[in-house]
Amino acid sequence: MRKIDKIIAALTALTKFAEAFTLGFAVFQLVNAARGIMEKNPQKREEAKDNIKYIAIGVILCVSAEIIINYLKTL
């Protein structure tokens, strides 16, 4: 196994862990956002909007990492 293959395997494993963590965090935050919206509490609504932005950023980062790793695999 080449050295680059080991590095790519490690990056793939790390990315899969990050994706699982991000997905779990996203589900948790979406549940909290739904609770905040349903309670009609203005402060919780604002927190929910902020959290949804963070969820989107996390998902974009994970997808970007996956694209980069797939590109490295083709080299």
PDB file of N, CA and C in Angstrom:
ATOM      1  N   MET A   1       0.851  -1.184   0.000  1.00  0.00           N
ATOM      2  CA  MET A   1       0.000   0.000   0.000  1.00  0.00           C
ATOM      3  C   MET A   1       0.892   1.240   0.000  1.00  0.00           C
ATOM      4  N   ARG A   2       0.606   2.122  -0.933  1.00  0.00           N
ATOM      5  CA  ARG A   2       1.396   3.345  -1.028  1.00  0.00           C
ATOM      6  C   ARG A   2       1.082   4.272   0.139  1.00  0.00           C
ATOM      7  N   LYS A   3       1.990   5.191   0.370  1.00  0.00           N
ATOM      8  CA  LYS A   3       1.825   6.142   1.469  1.00  0.00           C
ATOM      9  C   LYS A   3       0.598   7.027   1.252  1.00  0.00           C
ATOM     10  N   ILE A   4       0.369   7.435   0.008  1.00  0.00           N
ATOM     11  CA  ILE A   4      -0.786   8.297  -0.281  1.00  0.00           C
ATOM     12  C   ILE A   4      -2.089   7.554  -0.019  1.00  0.00           C
ATOM     13  N   ASP A   5      -2.099   6.242  -0.278  1.00  0.00           N
ATOM     14  CA  ASP A   5      -3.303   5.452  -0.015  1.00  0.00           C
ATOM     15  C   ASP A   5      -3.618   5.410   1.478  1.00  0.00           C
ATOM     16  N   LYS A   6      -2.575   5.322   2.298  1.00  0.00           N
ATOM     17  CA  LYS A   6      -2.781   5.329   3.755  1.00  0.00           C
ATOM     18  C   LYS A   6      -3.333   6.677   4.214  1.00  0.00           C
ATOM     19  N   ILE A   7      -2.806   7.738   3.638  1.00  0.00           N
ATOM     20  CA  ILE A   7      -3.274   9.080   3.997  1.00  0.00           C
ATOM     21  C   ILE A   7      -4.726   9.256   3.573  1.00  0.00           C
ATOM     22  N   ILE A   8      -5.056   8.805   2.375  1.00  0.00           N
ATOM     23  CA  ILE A   8      -6.434   8.924   1.890  1.00  0.00           C
ATOM     24  C   ILE A   8      -7.376   8.092   2.745  1.00  0.00           C
ATOM     25  N   ALA A   9      -6.942   6.895   3.156  1.00  0.00           N
ATOM     26  CA  ALA A   9      -7.777   6.053   4.016  1.00  0.00           C
ATOM     27  C   ALA A   9      -8.029   6.734   5.361  1.00  0.00           C
ATOM     28  N   ALA A  10      -6.990   7.368   5.916  1.00  0.00           N
ATOM     29  CA  ALA A  10      -7.156   8.078   7.184  1.00  0.00           C
ATOM     30  C   ALA A  10      -8.095   9.274   7.016  1.00  0.00           C
ATOM     31  N   LEU A  11      -7.931  10.014   5.931  1.00  0.00           N
ATOM     32  CA  LEU A  11      -8.812  11.158   5.678  1.00  0.00           C
ATOM     33  C   LEU A  11     -10.253  10.711   5.466  1.00  0.00           C
ATOM     34  N   THR A  12     -10.435   9.588   4.794  1.00  0.00           N
ATOM     35  CA  THR A  12     -11.781   9.066   4.571  1.00  0.00           C
ATOM     36  C   THR A  12     -12.436   8.697   5.893  1.00  0.00           C
ATOM     37  N   ALA A  13     -11.687   8.024   6.754  1.00  0.00           N
ATOM     38  CA  ALA A  13     -12.229   7.644   8.062  1.00  0.00           C
ATOM     39  C   ALA A  13     -12.573   8.881   8.884  1.00  0.00           C
ATOM     40  N   LEU A  14     -11.698   9.864   8.861  1.00  0.00           N
ATOM     41  CA  LEU A  14     -11.946  11.100   9.602  1.00  0.00           C
ATOM     42  C   LEU A  14     -13.166  11.833   9.060  1.00  0.00           C
ATOM     43  N   THR A  15     -13.311  11.849   7.754  1.00  0.00           N
ATOM     44  CA  THR A  15     -14.466  12.502   7.143  1.00  0.00           C
ATOM     45  C   THR A  15     -15.758  11.790   7.493  1.00  0.00           C
ATOM     46  N   LYS A  16     -15.739  10.463   7.490  1.00  0.00           N
ATOM     47  CA  LYS A  16     -16.940   9.696   7.848  1.00  0.00           C
ATOM     48  C   LYS A  16     -17.345   9.985   9.294  1.00  0.00           C
ATOM     49  N   PHE A  17     -16.356  10.074  10.193  1.00  0.00           N
ATOM     50  CA  PHE A  17     -16.651  10.418  11.583  1.00  0.00           C
ATOM     51  C   PHE A  17     -17.248  11.819  11.668  1.00  0.00           C
ATOM     52  N   ALA A  18     -16.663  12.765  10.944  1.00  0.00           N
ATOM     53  CA  ALA A  18     -17.166  14.144  10.967  1.00  0.00           C
ATOM     54  C   ALA A  18     -18.579  14.220  10.403  1.00  0.00           C
ATOM     55  N   GLU A  19     -18.847  13.443   9.356  1.00  0.00           N
ATOM     56  CA  GLU A  19     -20.194  13.433   8.781  1.00  0.00           C
ATOM     57  C   GLU A  19     -21.210  12.870   9.770  1.00  0.00           C
ATOM     58  N   ALA A  20     -20.842  11.801  10.466  1.00  0.00           N
ATOM     59  CA  ALA A  20     -21.757  11.213  11.452  1.00  0.00           C
ATOM     60  C   ALA A  20     -22.020  12.194  12.588  1.00  0.00           C
ATOM     61  N   PHE A  21     -20.967  12.861  13.054  1.00  0.00           N
ATOM     62  CA  PHE A  21     -21.116  13.840  14.130  1.00  0.00           C
ATOM     63  C   PHE A  21     -21.983  15.011  13.668  1.00  0.00           C
ATOM     64  N   THR A  22     -21.727  15.493  12.463  1.00  0.00           N
ATOM     65  CA  THR A  22     -22.496  16.617  11.930  1.00  0.00           C
ATOM     66  C   THR A  22     -23.961  16.260  11.762  1.00  0.00           C
ATOM     67  N   LEU A  23     -24.227  15.051  11.268  1.00  0.00           N
ATOM     68  CA  LEU A  23     -25.611  14.620  11.094  1.00  0.00           C
ATOM     69  C   LEU A  23     -26.326  14.531  12.441  1.00  0.00           C
ATOM     70  N   GLY A  24     -25.664  13.954  13.435  1.00  0.00           N
ATOM     71  CA  GLY A  24     -26.268  13.875  14.766  1.00  0.00           C
ATOM     72  C   GLY A  24     -26.524  15.253  15.352  1.00  0.00           C
ATOM     73  N   PHE A  25     -25.556  16.145  15.197  1.00  0.00           N
ATOM     74  CA  PHE A  25     -25.709  17.507  15.698  1.00  0.00           C
ATOM     75  C   PHE A  25     -26.830  18.233  14.962  1.00  0.00           C
ATOM     76  N   ALA A  26     -26.921  18.009  13.656  1.00  0.00           N
ATOM     77  CA  ALA A  26     -27.968  18.656  12.862  1.00  0.00           C
ATOM     78  C   ALA A  26     -29.349  18.207  13.315  1.00  0.00           C
ATOM     79  N   VAL A  27     -29.509  16.916  13.550  1.00  0.00           N
ATOM     80  CA  VAL A  27     -30.802  16.406  14.017  1.00  0.00           C
ATOM     81  C   VAL A  27     -31.143  17.016  15.369  1.00  0.00           C
ATOM     82  N   PHE A  28     -30.169  17.053  16.269  1.00  0.00           N
ATOM     83  CA  PHE A  28     -30.392  17.634  17.594  1.00  0.00           C
ATOM     84  C   PHE A  28     -30.803  19.102  17.489  1.00  0.00           C
ATOM     85  N   GLN A  29     -30.108  19.863  16.657  1.00  0.00           N
ATOM     86  CA  GLN A  29     -30.408  21.286  16.525  1.00  0.00           C
ATOM     87  C   GLN A  29     -31.745  21.520  15.827  1.00  0.00           C
ATOM     88  N   LEU A  30     -32.085  20.671  14.868  1.00  0.00           N
ATOM     89  CA  LEU A  30     -33.382  20.826  14.209  1.00  0.00           C
ATOM     90  C   LEU A  30     -34.525  20.546  15.172  1.00  0.00           C
ATOM     91  N   VAL A  31     -34.341  19.574  16.062  1.00  0.00           N
ATOM     92  CA  VAL A  31     -35.363  19.308  17.080  1.00  0.00           C
ATOM     93  C   VAL A  31     -35.499  20.512  18.002  1.00  0.00           C
ATOM     94  N   ASN A  32     -34.372  21.076  18.428  1.00  0.00           N
ATOM     95  CA  ASN A  32     -34.427  22.269  19.280  1.00  0.00           C
ATOM     96  C   ASN A  32     -35.059  23.452  18.546  1.00  0.00           C
ATOM     97  N   ALA A  33     -34.767  23.585  17.259  1.00  0.00           N
ATOM     98  CA  ALA A  33     -35.366  24.670  16.472  1.00  0.00           C
ATOM     99  C   ALA A  33     -36.871  24.490  16.381  1.00  0.00           C
ATOM    100  N   ALA A  34     -37.308  23.270  16.150  1.00  0.00           N
ATOM    101  CA  ALA A  34     -38.753  23.008  16.065  1.00  0.00           C
ATOM    102  C   ALA A  34     -39.434  23.316  17.390  1.00  0.00           C
ATOM    103  N   ARG A  35     -38.797  22.939  18.495  1.00  0.00           N
ATOM    104  CA  ARG A  35     -39.376  23.253  19.806  1.00  0.00           C
ATOM    105  C   ARG A  35     -39.466  24.756  20.006  1.00  0.00           C
ATOM    106  N   GLY A  36     -38.415  25.480  19.624  1.00  0.00           N
ATOM    107  CA  GLY A  36     -38.416  26.930  19.783  1.00  0.00           C
ATOM    108  C   GLY A  36     -39.492  27.600  18.951  1.00  0.00           C
ATOM    109  N   ILE A  37     -39.690  27.108  17.748  1.00  0.00           N
ATOM    110  CA  ILE A  37     -40.718  27.689  16.882  1.00  0.00           C
ATOM    111  C   ILE A  37     -42.109  27.361  17.404  1.00  0.00           C
ATOM    112  N   MET A  38     -42.304  26.142  17.881  1.00  0.00           N
ATOM    113  CA  MET A  38     -43.624  25.734  18.362  1.00  0.00           C
ATOM    114  C   MET A  38     -44.008  26.445  19.658  1.00  0.00           C
ATOM    115  N   GLU A  39     -43.011  26.793  20.478  1.00  0.00           N
ATOM    116  CA  GLU A  39     -43.308  27.488  21.732  1.00  0.00           C
ATOM    117  C   GLU A  39     -43.587  28.972  21.511  1.00  0.00           C
ATOM    118  N   LYS A  40     -43.331  29.457  20.326  1.00  0.00           N
ATOM    119  CA  LYS A  40     -43.551  30.860  19.960  1.00  0.00           C
ATOM    120  C   LYS A  40     -42.783  31.829  20.870  1.00  0.00           C
ATOM    121  N   ASN A  41     -41.593  31.401  21.250  1.00  0.00           N
ATOM    122  CA  ASN A  41     -40.720  32.222  22.065  1.00  0.00           C
ATOM    123  C   ASN A  41     -39.751  32.949  21.122  1.00  0.00           C
ATOM    124  N   PRO A  42     -39.794  34.294  21.078  1.00  0.00           N
ATOM    125  CA  PRO A  42     -38.953  35.042  20.131  1.00  0.00           C
ATOM    126  C   PRO A  42     -37.457  34.756  20.284  1.00  0.00           C
ATOM    127  N   GLN A  43     -36.986  34.626  21.520  1.00  0.00           N
ATOM    128  CA  GLN A  43     -35.561  34.365  21.735  1.00  0.00           C
ATOM    129  C   GLN A  43     -35.176  32.992  21.181  1.00  0.00           C
ATOM    130  N   LYS A  44     -36.014  32.002  21.421  1.00  0.00           N
ATOM    131  CA  LYS A  44     -35.716  30.657  20.925  1.00  0.00           C
ATOM    132  C   LYS A  44     -35.822  30.593  19.406  1.00  0.00           C
ATOM    133  N   ARG A  45     -36.691  31.410  18.829  1.00  0.00           N
ATOM    134  CA  ARG A  45     -36.785  31.456  17.364  1.00  0.00           C
ATOM    135  C   ARG A  45     -35.492  31.977  16.761  1.00  0.00           C
ATOM    136  N   GLU A  46     -34.948  33.037  17.350  1.00  0.00           N
ATOM    137  CA  GLU A  46     -33.690  33.596  16.846  1.00  0.00           C
ATOM    138  C   GLU A  46     -32.555  32.589  16.996  1.00  0.00           C
ATOM    139  N   GLU A  47     -32.512  31.898  18.134  1.00  0.00           N
ATOM    140  CA  GLU A  47     -31.491  30.870  18.329  1.00  0.00           C
ATOM    141  C   GLU A  47     -31.652  29.764  17.291  1.00  0.00           C
ATOM    142  N   ALA A  48     -32.875  29.418  16.984  1.00  0.00           N
ATOM    143  CA  ALA A  48     -33.141  28.370  15.995  1.00  0.00           C
ATOM    144  C   ALA A  48     -32.634  28.796  14.618  1.00  0.00           C
ATOM    145  N   LYS A  49     -32.862  30.051  14.252  1.00  0.00           N
ATOM    146  CA  LYS A  49     -32.382  30.540  12.958  1.00  0.00           C
ATOM    147  C   LYS A  49     -30.857  30.490  12.888  1.00  0.00           C
ATOM    148  N   ASP A  50     -30.196  30.905  13.975  1.00  0.00           N
ATOM    149  CA  ASP A  50     -28.736  30.853  14.009  1.00  0.00           C
ATOM    150  C   ASP A  50     -28.238  29.416  13.894  1.00  0.00           C
ATOM    151  N   ASN A  51     -28.886  28.511  14.606  1.00  0.00           N
ATOM    152  CA  ASN A  51     -28.452  27.116  14.578  1.00  0.00           C
ATOM    153  C   ASN A  51     -28.627  26.503  13.200  1.00  0.00           C
ATOM    154  N   ILE A  52     -29.669  26.873  12.498  1.00  0.00           N
ATOM    155  CA  ILE A  52     -29.882  26.342  11.153  1.00  0.00           C
ATOM    156  C   ILE A  52     -28.765  26.822  10.220  1.00  0.00           C
ATOM    157  N   LYS A  53     -28.294  28.052  10.418  1.00  0.00           N
ATOM    158  CA  LYS A  53     -27.160  28.540   9.624  1.00  0.00           C
ATOM    159  C   LYS A  53     -25.920  27.695   9.896  1.00  0.00           C
ATOM    160  N   TYR A  54     -25.668  27.385  11.163  1.00  0.00           N
ATOM    161  CA  TYR A  54     -24.505  26.575  11.524  1.00  0.00           C
ATOM    162  C   TYR A  54     -24.618  25.161  10.964  1.00  0.00           C
ATOM    163  N   ILE A  55     -25.820  24.628  10.949  1.00  0.00           N
ATOM    164  CA  ILE A  55     -26.037  23.299  10.378  1.00  0.00           C
ATOM    165  C   ILE A  55     -25.685  23.318   8.892  1.00  0.00           C
ATOM    166  N   ALA A  56     -26.140  24.335   8.191  1.00  0.00           N
ATOM    167  CA  ALA A  56     -25.853  24.438   6.755  1.00  0.00           C
ATOM    168  C   ALA A  56     -24.350  24.544   6.508  1.00  0.00           C
ATOM    169  N   ILE A  57     -23.663  25.325   7.315  1.00  0.00           N
ATOM    170  CA  ILE A  57     -22.213  25.466   7.163  1.00  0.00           C
ATOM    171  C   ILE A  57     -21.521  24.128   7.401  1.00  0.00           C
ATOM    172  N   GLY A  58     -21.938  23.404   8.428  1.00  0.00           N
ATOM    173  CA  GLY A  58     -21.345  22.097   8.721  1.00  0.00           C
ATOM    174  C   GLY A  58     -21.554  21.101   7.602  1.00  0.00           C
ATOM    175  N   VAL A  59     -22.748  21.088   7.042  1.00  0.00           N
ATOM    176  CA  VAL A  59     -23.038  20.162   5.936  1.00  0.00           C
ATOM    177  C   VAL A  59     -22.198  20.529   4.713  1.00  0.00           C
ATOM    178  N   ILE A  60     -22.066  21.806   4.433  1.00  0.00           N
ATOM    179  CA  ILE A  60     -21.255  22.246   3.290  1.00  0.00           C
ATOM    180  C   ILE A  60     -19.797  21.836   3.480  1.00  0.00           C
ATOM    181  N   LEU A  61     -19.279  21.980   4.694  1.00  0.00           N
ATOM    182  CA  LEU A  61     -17.895  21.584   4.953  1.00  0.00           C
ATOM    183  C   LEU A  61     -17.694  20.086   4.767  1.00  0.00           C
ATOM    184  N   CYS A  62     -18.638  19.291   5.243  1.00  0.00           N
ATOM    185  CA  CYS A  62     -18.523  17.835   5.086  1.00  0.00           C
ATOM    186  C   CYS A  62     -18.589  17.424   3.622  1.00  0.00           C
ATOM    187  N   VAL A  63     -19.478  18.028   2.876  1.00  0.00           N
ATOM    188  CA  VAL A  63     -19.581  17.702   1.450  1.00  0.00           C
ATOM    189  C   VAL A  63     -18.306  18.123   0.722  1.00  0.00           C
ATOM    190  N   SER A  64     -17.751  19.271   1.081  1.00  0.00           N
ATOM    191  CA  SER A  64     -16.510  19.733   0.461  1.00  0.00           C
ATOM    192  C   SER A  64     -15.370  18.764   0.744  1.00  0.00           C
ATOM    193  N   ALA A  65     -15.279  18.311   1.981  1.00  0.00           N
ATOM    194  CA  ALA A  65     -14.227  17.357   2.335  1.00  0.00           C
ATOM    195  C   ALA A  65     -14.386  16.058   1.554  1.00  0.00           C
ATOM    196  N   GLU A  66     -15.611  15.603   1.396  1.00  0.00           N
ATOM    197  CA  GLU A  66     -15.863  14.376   0.635  1.00  0.00           C
ATOM    198  C   GLU A  66     -15.447  14.552  -0.826  1.00  0.00           C
ATOM    199  N   ILE A  67     -15.733  15.701  -1.397  1.00  0.00           N
ATOM    200  CA  ILE A  67     -15.347  15.972  -2.789  1.00  0.00           C
ATOM    201  C   ILE A  67     -13.827  15.984  -2.928  1.00  0.00           C
ATOM    202  N   ILE A  68     -13.144  16.609  -1.988  1.00  0.00           N
ATOM    203  CA  ILE A  68     -11.679  16.670  -2.035  1.00  0.00           C
ATOM    204  C   ILE A  68     -11.081  15.272  -1.922  1.00  0.00           C
ATOM    205  N   ILE A  69     -11.620  14.464  -1.023  1.00  0.00           N
ATOM    206  CA  ILE A  69     -11.102  13.102  -0.860  1.00  0.00           C
ATOM    207  C   ILE A  69     -11.339  12.281  -2.124  1.00  0.00           C
ATOM    208  N   ASN A  70     -12.508  12.414  -2.720  1.00  0.00           N
ATOM    209  CA  ASN A  70     -12.770  11.688  -3.967  1.00  0.00           C
ATOM    210  C   ASN A  70     -11.820  12.132  -5.077  1.00  0.00           C
ATOM    211  N   TYR A  71     -11.486  13.405  -5.101  1.00  0.00           N
ATOM    212  CA  TYR A  71     -10.516  13.896  -6.082  1.00  0.00           C
ATOM    213  C   TYR A  71      -9.139  13.287  -5.821  1.00  0.00           C
ATOM    214  N   LEU A  72      -8.733  13.235  -4.552  1.00  0.00           N
ATOM    215  CA  LEU A  72      -7.431  12.660  -4.219  1.00  0.00           C
ATOM    216  C   LEU A  72      -7.357  11.181  -4.576  1.00  0.00           C
ATOM    217  N   LYS A  73      -8.479  10.489  -4.480  1.00  0.00           N
ATOM    218  CA  LYS A  73      -8.490   9.062  -4.828  1.00  0.00           C
ATOM    219  C   LYS A  73      -8.238   8.849  -6.314  1.00  0.00           C
ATOM    220  N   THR A  74      -8.596   9.829  -7.136  1.00  0.00           N
ATOM    221  CA  THR A  74      -8.399   9.677  -8.577  1.00  0.00           C
ATOM    222  C   THR A  74      -6.959   9.938  -8.997  1.00  0.00           C
ATOM    223  N   LEU A  75      -6.163  10.537  -8.142  1.00  0.00           N
ATOM    224  CA  LEU A  75      -4.761  10.834  -8.490  1.00  0.00           C
ATOM    225  C   LEU A  75      -3.916   9.592  -8.515  1.00  0.00           C
TER     226      LEU A  75
END
